[in-house]
Amino acid sequence: MILRRARTIAAWILLIGSAVMWPVSMRTFAKNEPPLVLSLSFLAIVIEAASLLTASQVHEEQARKSND
């Protein structure tokens, strides 16, 4: 249960962190990168984080139901 909860927390951190760093990086350290490439990279990270979060929450729900 602890590992599942840690995975959910990590997914939330990745999702929020990438959503915040996306515009920050475009304006600061990655100014020279093509905006489309940078945006697609961050979009892939956001989609993967959302997928991980969904899977983690489903696993948590299934674990709760099996314990009941």
Protein backbone atom coordinates (compact mmCIF):
# COMPACT_ATOMS: atom_id res chain seq x y z
CA MET A 1 0.00 0.00 0.00
CA ILE A 2 2.83 2.38 0.83
CA LEU A 3 4.48 1.80 -2.55
CA ARG A 4 1.21 2.48 -4.37
CA ARG A 5 0.71 5.70 -2.42
CA ALA A 6 4.29 6.79 -3.13
CA ARG A 7 3.72 6.18 -6.85
CA THR A 8 0.60 8.38 -6.75
CA ILE A 9 2.47 11.16 -4.95
CA ALA A 10 5.36 10.94 -7.43
CA ALA A 11 2.90 11.16 -10.34
CA TRP A 12 1.28 14.29 -8.83
CA ILE A 13 4.70 15.89 -8.34
CA LEU A 14 5.71 15.06 -11.92
CA LEU A 15 2.42 16.39 -13.31
CA ILE A 16 2.47 19.66 -11.37
CA GLY A 17 6.20 20.16 -11.80
CA SER A 18 6.10 19.69 -15.55
CA ALA A 19 3.06 21.96 -15.91
CA VAL A 20 4.92 24.70 -14.00
CA MET A 21 8.30 24.20 -15.65
CA TRP A 22 6.90 24.16 -19.18
CA PRO A 23 6.38 27.94 -19.48
CA VAL A 24 9.31 28.73 -17.17
CA SER A 25 11.75 26.80 -19.35
CA MET A 26 10.43 28.44 -22.51
CA ARG A 27 11.23 31.85 -21.07
CA THR A 28 14.53 31.09 -19.32
CA PHE A 29 17.06 28.30 -19.87
CA ALA A 30 15.55 26.82 -23.06
CA LYS A 31 15.00 30.05 -24.97
CA ASN A 32 17.06 28.82 -27.91
CA GLU A 33 15.11 25.61 -28.35
CA PRO A 34 12.40 25.53 -31.02
CA PRO A 35 9.09 26.15 -29.20
CA LEU A 36 7.33 23.29 -30.98
CA VAL A 37 9.96 20.74 -29.96
CA LEU A 38 10.02 21.97 -26.37
CA SER A 39 6.24 22.01 -26.17
CA LEU A 40 5.95 18.49 -27.57
CA SER A 41 8.53 17.23 -25.08
CA PHE A 42 6.72 18.72 -22.12
CA LEU A 43 3.37 17.56 -23.49
CA ALA A 44 4.70 14.01 -23.58
CA ILE A 45 5.82 14.33 -19.95
CA VAL A 46 2.43 15.71 -18.88
CA ILE A 47 0.55 12.94 -20.70
CA GLU A 48 2.76 10.25 -19.18
CA ALA A 49 2.39 11.73 -15.70
CA ALA A 50 -1.39 11.81 -16.10
CA SER A 51 -1.35 8.21 -17.28
CA LEU A 52 0.79 7.15 -14.32
CA LEU A 53 -1.51 9.03 -11.95
CA THR A 54 -4.61 7.35 -13.38
CA ALA A 55 -3.04 3.90 -13.19
CA SER A 56 -1.87 4.49 -9.61
CA GLN A 57 -5.29 5.63 -8.50
CA VAL A 58 -6.93 2.59 -10.11
CA HIS A 59 -4.46 0.29 -8.33
CA GLU A 60 -5.20 2.02 -5.01
CA GLU A 61 -8.96 1.60 -5.51
CA GLN A 62 -8.58 -2.07 -6.40
CA ALA A 63 -6.42 -2.65 -3.33
CA ARG A 64 -9.01 -0.99 -1.11
CA LYS A 65 -11.83 -3.07 -2.61
CA SER A 66 -9.90 -6.32 -2.18
CA ASN A 67 -9.24 -5.49 1.49
CA ASP A 68 -12.93 -4.89 2.22
